[in-house]
Amino acid sequence: MAEAPKIPDEAETRARWGAFAWNDENQKKANEILGRYPKGREQSASIPFLDLAQRQVGEETQTQGWLPVPVIEFVARQIGVPYMRVYEVATFYTMFNMAPVGRFHVQVCGTTPCLLGGSDDVLAACKNKGLIKGRTTPDGMFTLTEVECLGACANAPMVQINDDNFEDLDYDRTSALLEALANGTPVTPGSQTGRRDSCAAGGPTNLVAMVDENHDYRGEWA
């Protein structure tokens, strides 16, 4: 698995993020989020607040975002709980980055279905593009992480890049995807072979009448 991420010096982190606060747009979103929970249950906003904060950090750094300690402290103050109650949430979910990442966070699934489907080829393509597990490329473009199951087993192997899944990968498709991202070329999430959702590789084999419409099979099954 990945090497331990490099967290910046605490003094540097506090100098940069000690005064973190919601921007105007995110303040409105935060108010909306808090409004979903009854009085005394503000801790329920931990996950959406951490996500919002990570995205704001990402916007300010032109990266996928991360959660510096002062930012987590800010979230804790916002919902009125001890810092540790929020920190334990941030460190439990891999959707939260505890160290800086690049503009594109490439998370390669290495669990059994993806491994059998060829995730080693995906990782090889990443390596040959200069990506190293647990590190960010010198240009700040990519961070590579190997993760556990991302829930797209039928379309293995796959990667999650920021908020999007890219599936049915091999060495060449992965290389082309990374090149497109590096060059600013638009990419299409989902299957990279063109199949729809998780249908069979050769096309739909069941309930084929529902491909284009909500077909009612009940009369045919009677």
Protein backbone atom coordinates (compact mmCIF):
# COMPACT_ATOMS: atom_id res chain seq x y z
CA MET A 1 0.00 0.00 0.00
CA ALA A 2 0.97 3.67 -0.10
CA GLU A 3 3.76 5.21 1.92
CA ALA A 4 2.77 7.58 4.72
CA PRO A 5 1.84 10.98 3.28
CA LYS A 6 4.07 13.94 4.12
CA ILE A 7 2.29 16.42 6.36
CA PRO A 8 3.71 19.95 6.36
CA ASP A 9 5.39 21.42 9.43
CA GLU A 10 2.86 22.49 12.07
CA ALA A 11 4.10 26.07 12.22
CA GLU A 12 3.83 26.33 8.43
CA THR A 13 0.37 24.80 8.48
CA ARG A 14 -0.92 27.14 11.17
CA ALA A 15 0.57 30.18 9.45
CA ARG A 16 -1.27 29.27 6.25
CA TRP A 17 -4.57 27.93 7.60
CA GLY A 18 -4.93 29.29 11.13
CA ALA A 19 -7.43 31.93 10.03
CA PHE A 20 -9.51 29.58 7.90
CA ALA A 21 -13.19 30.53 7.63
CA TRP A 22 -15.99 29.83 5.21
CA ASN A 23 -16.05 31.98 2.13
CA ASP A 24 -19.36 33.69 1.37
CA GLU A 25 -20.67 30.90 -0.86
CA ASN A 26 -19.73 28.14 1.56
CA GLN A 27 -21.14 30.06 4.53
CA LYS A 28 -24.52 29.84 2.84
CA LYS A 29 -24.01 26.12 2.22
CA ALA A 30 -22.93 25.60 5.84
CA ASN A 31 -26.05 27.33 7.10
CA GLU A 32 -28.16 25.11 4.87
CA ILE A 33 -26.38 21.98 6.11
CA LEU A 34 -26.85 22.92 9.78
CA GLY A 35 -30.52 23.55 9.10
CA ARG A 36 -31.00 19.86 8.33
CA TYR A 37 -30.33 18.83 11.95
CA PRO A 38 -32.28 19.58 15.14
CA LYS A 39 -30.81 21.69 17.92
CA GLY A 40 -28.25 19.72 19.90
CA ARG A 41 -27.47 17.41 16.98
CA GLU A 42 -24.98 19.67 15.21
CA GLN A 43 -22.32 16.96 15.38
CA SER A 44 -24.27 15.20 12.62
CA ALA A 45 -22.85 17.86 10.28
CA SER A 46 -19.29 16.57 10.78
CA ILE A 47 -19.02 14.75 7.45
CA PRO A 48 -20.67 17.38 5.22
CA PHE A 49 -18.73 20.17 6.95
CA LEU A 50 -15.41 18.35 6.53
CA ASP A 51 -16.22 17.74 2.87
CA LEU A 52 -17.13 21.39 2.37
CA ALA A 53 -13.95 22.53 4.11
CA GLN A 54 -11.76 20.17 2.07
CA ARG A 55 -13.32 21.47 -1.14
CA GLN A 56 -12.69 25.08 -0.09
CA VAL A 57 -9.05 24.26 0.64
CA GLY A 58 -8.91 22.63 -2.78
CA GLU A 59 -10.32 25.74 -4.45
CA GLU A 60 -7.78 27.93 -2.69
CA THR A 61 -4.83 25.68 -3.59
CA GLN A 62 -6.01 24.50 -7.03
CA THR A 63 -5.82 20.89 -5.84
CA GLN A 64 -8.25 18.19 -4.79
CA GLY A 65 -8.03 19.56 -1.26
CA TRP A 66 -6.99 18.34 2.19
CA LEU A 67 -7.76 18.97 5.86
CA PRO A 68 -5.07 20.84 7.79
CA VAL A 69 -5.43 20.63 11.57
CA PRO A 70 -6.57 24.28 11.92
CA VAL A 71 -9.32 23.59 9.39
CA ILE A 72 -10.51 20.59 11.40
CA GLU A 73 -10.42 22.77 14.52
CA PHE A 74 -12.56 25.33 12.70
CA VAL A 75 -15.13 22.66 11.80
CA ALA A 76 -15.20 21.49 15.43
CA ARG A 77 -15.90 25.04 16.62
CA GLN A 78 -18.63 25.43 14.01
CA ILE A 79 -20.57 22.47 15.36
CA GLY A 80 -19.63 22.94 19.01
CA VAL A 81 -17.79 19.70 19.73
CA PRO A 82 -14.25 18.85 20.87
CA TYR A 83 -11.61 18.74 18.15
CA MET A 84 -11.09 14.99 18.66
CA ARG A 85 -14.73 14.22 17.80
CA VAL A 86 -14.17 15.69 14.33
CA TYR A 87 -10.60 14.45 13.92
CA GLU A 88 -11.69 10.84 14.44
CA VAL A 89 -14.24 11.24 11.64
CA ALA A 90 -11.71 12.82 9.28
CA THR A 91 -9.18 10.04 9.85
CA PHE A 92 -11.74 7.23 9.52
CA TYR A 93 -13.00 8.01 6.01
CA THR A 94 -10.58 7.82 3.09
CA MET A 95 -12.60 10.51 1.30
CA PHE A 96 -10.76 12.97 3.52
CA ASN A 97 -7.13 13.77 2.79
CA MET A 98 -4.95 14.32 5.84
CA ALA A 99 -2.03 15.66 3.81
CA PRO A 100 -1.79 17.82 0.69
CA VAL A 101 -2.59 16.14 -2.61
CA GLY A 102 -2.27 17.20 -6.22
CA ARG A 103 -4.79 18.61 -8.61
CA PHE A 104 -5.85 15.07 -9.47
CA HIS A 105 -5.99 12.46 -6.70
CA VAL A 106 -5.67 9.12 -8.48
CA GLN A 107 -7.00 6.34 -6.24
CA VAL A 108 -6.35 2.92 -7.73
CA CYS A 109 -8.44 0.03 -6.41
CA GLY A 110 -6.26 -2.95 -5.55
CA THR A 111 -8.91 -5.25 -4.10
CA THR A 112 -9.40 -8.77 -5.53
CA PRO A 113 -11.77 -8.09 -8.49
CA CYS A 114 -9.62 -5.20 -9.71
CA LEU A 115 -6.42 -7.14 -9.06
CA LEU A 116 -7.70 -10.06 -11.12
CA GLY A 117 -8.93 -7.65 -13.78
CA GLY A 118 -5.54 -6.03 -14.20
CA SER A 119 -4.97 -3.33 -11.59
CA ASP A 120 -1.26 -4.11 -11.75
CA ASP A 121 -1.33 -2.80 -15.33
CA VAL A 122 -3.11 0.33 -14.13
CA LEU A 123 -0.43 0.89 -11.50
CA ALA A 124 2.29 0.22 -14.06
CA ALA A 125 0.82 2.89 -16.33
CA CYS A 126 0.76 5.31 -13.41
CA LYS A 127 4.37 4.50 -12.55
CA ASN A 128 5.50 5.04 -16.11
CA LYS A 129 3.85 8.46 -16.04
CA GLY A 130 5.93 9.37 -13.00
CA LEU A 131 3.32 8.67 -10.31
CA ILE A 132 4.56 7.05 -7.10
CA LYS A 133 2.23 5.62 -4.47
CA GLY A 134 1.77 7.96 -1.54
CA ARG A 135 3.41 10.90 -3.29
CA THR A 136 2.56 13.89 -5.42
CA THR A 137 4.31 14.50 -8.73
CA PRO A 138 6.81 17.41 -8.69
CA ASP A 139 4.50 19.53 -10.84
CA GLY A 140 1.70 19.13 -8.30
CA MET A 141 -0.56 17.55 -10.90
CA PHE A 142 -1.10 14.00 -9.58
CA THR A 143 -1.18 12.18 -6.25
CA LEU A 144 -1.32 8.38 -6.41
CA THR A 145 -2.95 6.25 -3.71
CA GLU A 146 -3.78 2.54 -3.69
CA VAL A 147 -7.10 1.96 -1.95
CA GLU A 148 -9.50 -0.80 -1.07
CA CYS A 149 -12.78 -1.56 -2.87
CA LEU A 150 -14.49 1.43 -4.47
CA GLY A 151 -17.63 -0.49 -5.40
CA ALA A 152 -17.28 -0.81 -9.17
CA CYS A 153 -16.26 -4.48 -9.19
CA ALA A 154 -18.28 -5.39 -12.29
CA ASN A 155 -16.24 -2.89 -14.31
CA ALA A 156 -12.84 -3.74 -12.86
CA PRO A 157 -10.16 -2.53 -12.92
CA MET A 158 -11.03 1.03 -12.06
CA VAL A 159 -9.72 4.20 -10.47
CA GLN A 160 -11.38 7.11 -8.73
CA ILE A 161 -9.95 10.48 -9.72
CA ASN A 162 -11.29 13.27 -7.51
CA ASP A 163 -15.08 12.78 -7.66
CA ASP A 164 -15.26 10.54 -10.72
CA ASN A 165 -14.84 6.82 -11.43
CA PHE A 166 -13.03 5.55 -14.52
CA GLU A 167 -13.67 1.89 -15.26
CA ASP A 168 -12.71 -0.97 -17.60
CA LEU A 169 -9.12 0.22 -17.63
CA ASP A 170 -5.96 -1.37 -18.94
CA TYR A 171 -2.42 -0.07 -19.39
CA ASP A 172 -3.11 1.91 -22.57
CA ARG A 173 -6.43 3.37 -21.43
CA THR A 174 -4.91 4.45 -18.13
CA SER A 175 -1.97 6.08 -19.90
CA ALA A 176 -4.32 7.91 -22.25
CA LEU A 177 -6.48 9.06 -19.33
CA LEU A 178 -3.52 10.48 -17.43
CA GLU A 179 -2.22 12.20 -20.53
CA ALA A 180 -5.59 13.80 -21.17
CA LEU A 181 -5.84 15.09 -17.61
CA ALA A 182 -2.30 16.46 -17.72
CA ASN A 183 -3.04 18.25 -21.00
CA GLY A 184 -6.36 19.66 -19.87
CA THR A 185 -8.28 17.56 -22.39
CA PRO A 186 -11.88 16.73 -21.37
CA VAL A 187 -12.37 13.15 -20.16
CA THR A 188 -15.53 11.07 -19.78
CA PRO A 189 -16.06 9.25 -16.48
CA GLY A 190 -17.40 5.71 -16.35
CA SER A 191 -16.49 2.80 -18.58
CA GLN A 192 -13.55 3.52 -20.86
CA THR A 193 -14.66 0.84 -23.33
CA GLY A 194 -18.00 2.46 -24.04
CA ARG A 195 -20.23 -0.08 -22.36
CA ARG A 196 -23.24 1.28 -20.56
CA ASP A 197 -23.14 1.16 -16.78
CA SER A 198 -22.32 -2.42 -15.68
CA CYS A 199 -23.90 -4.34 -18.53
CA ALA A 200 -22.11 -7.35 -19.99
CA ALA A 201 -19.04 -6.52 -22.07
CA GLY A 202 -20.86 -7.67 -25.21
CA GLY A 203 -23.95 -5.60 -24.48
CA PRO A 204 -27.15 -6.18 -22.46
CA THR A 205 -28.24 -9.80 -22.09
CA ASN A 206 -31.19 -9.46 -19.71
CA LEU A 207 -34.26 -7.22 -19.73
CA VAL A 208 -33.07 -5.87 -23.06
CA ALA A 209 -36.40 -4.16 -23.78
CA MET A 210 -35.64 -1.77 -20.90
CA VAL A 211 -32.53 -0.37 -22.57
CA ASP A 212 -34.53 2.43 -24.19
CA GLU A 213 -37.78 2.50 -22.21
CA ASN A 214 -39.41 1.38 -18.98
CA HIS A 215 -40.84 -1.80 -20.49
CA ASP A 216 -43.48 -3.69 -18.51
CA TYR A 217 -42.59 -7.41 -18.57
CA ARG A 218 -45.40 -8.58 -16.27
CA GLY A 219 -47.71 -9.73 -19.01
CA GLU A 220 -44.93 -11.77 -20.60
CA TRP A 221 -44.07 -13.49 -17.34
CA ALA A 222 -47.66 -14.58 -16.57
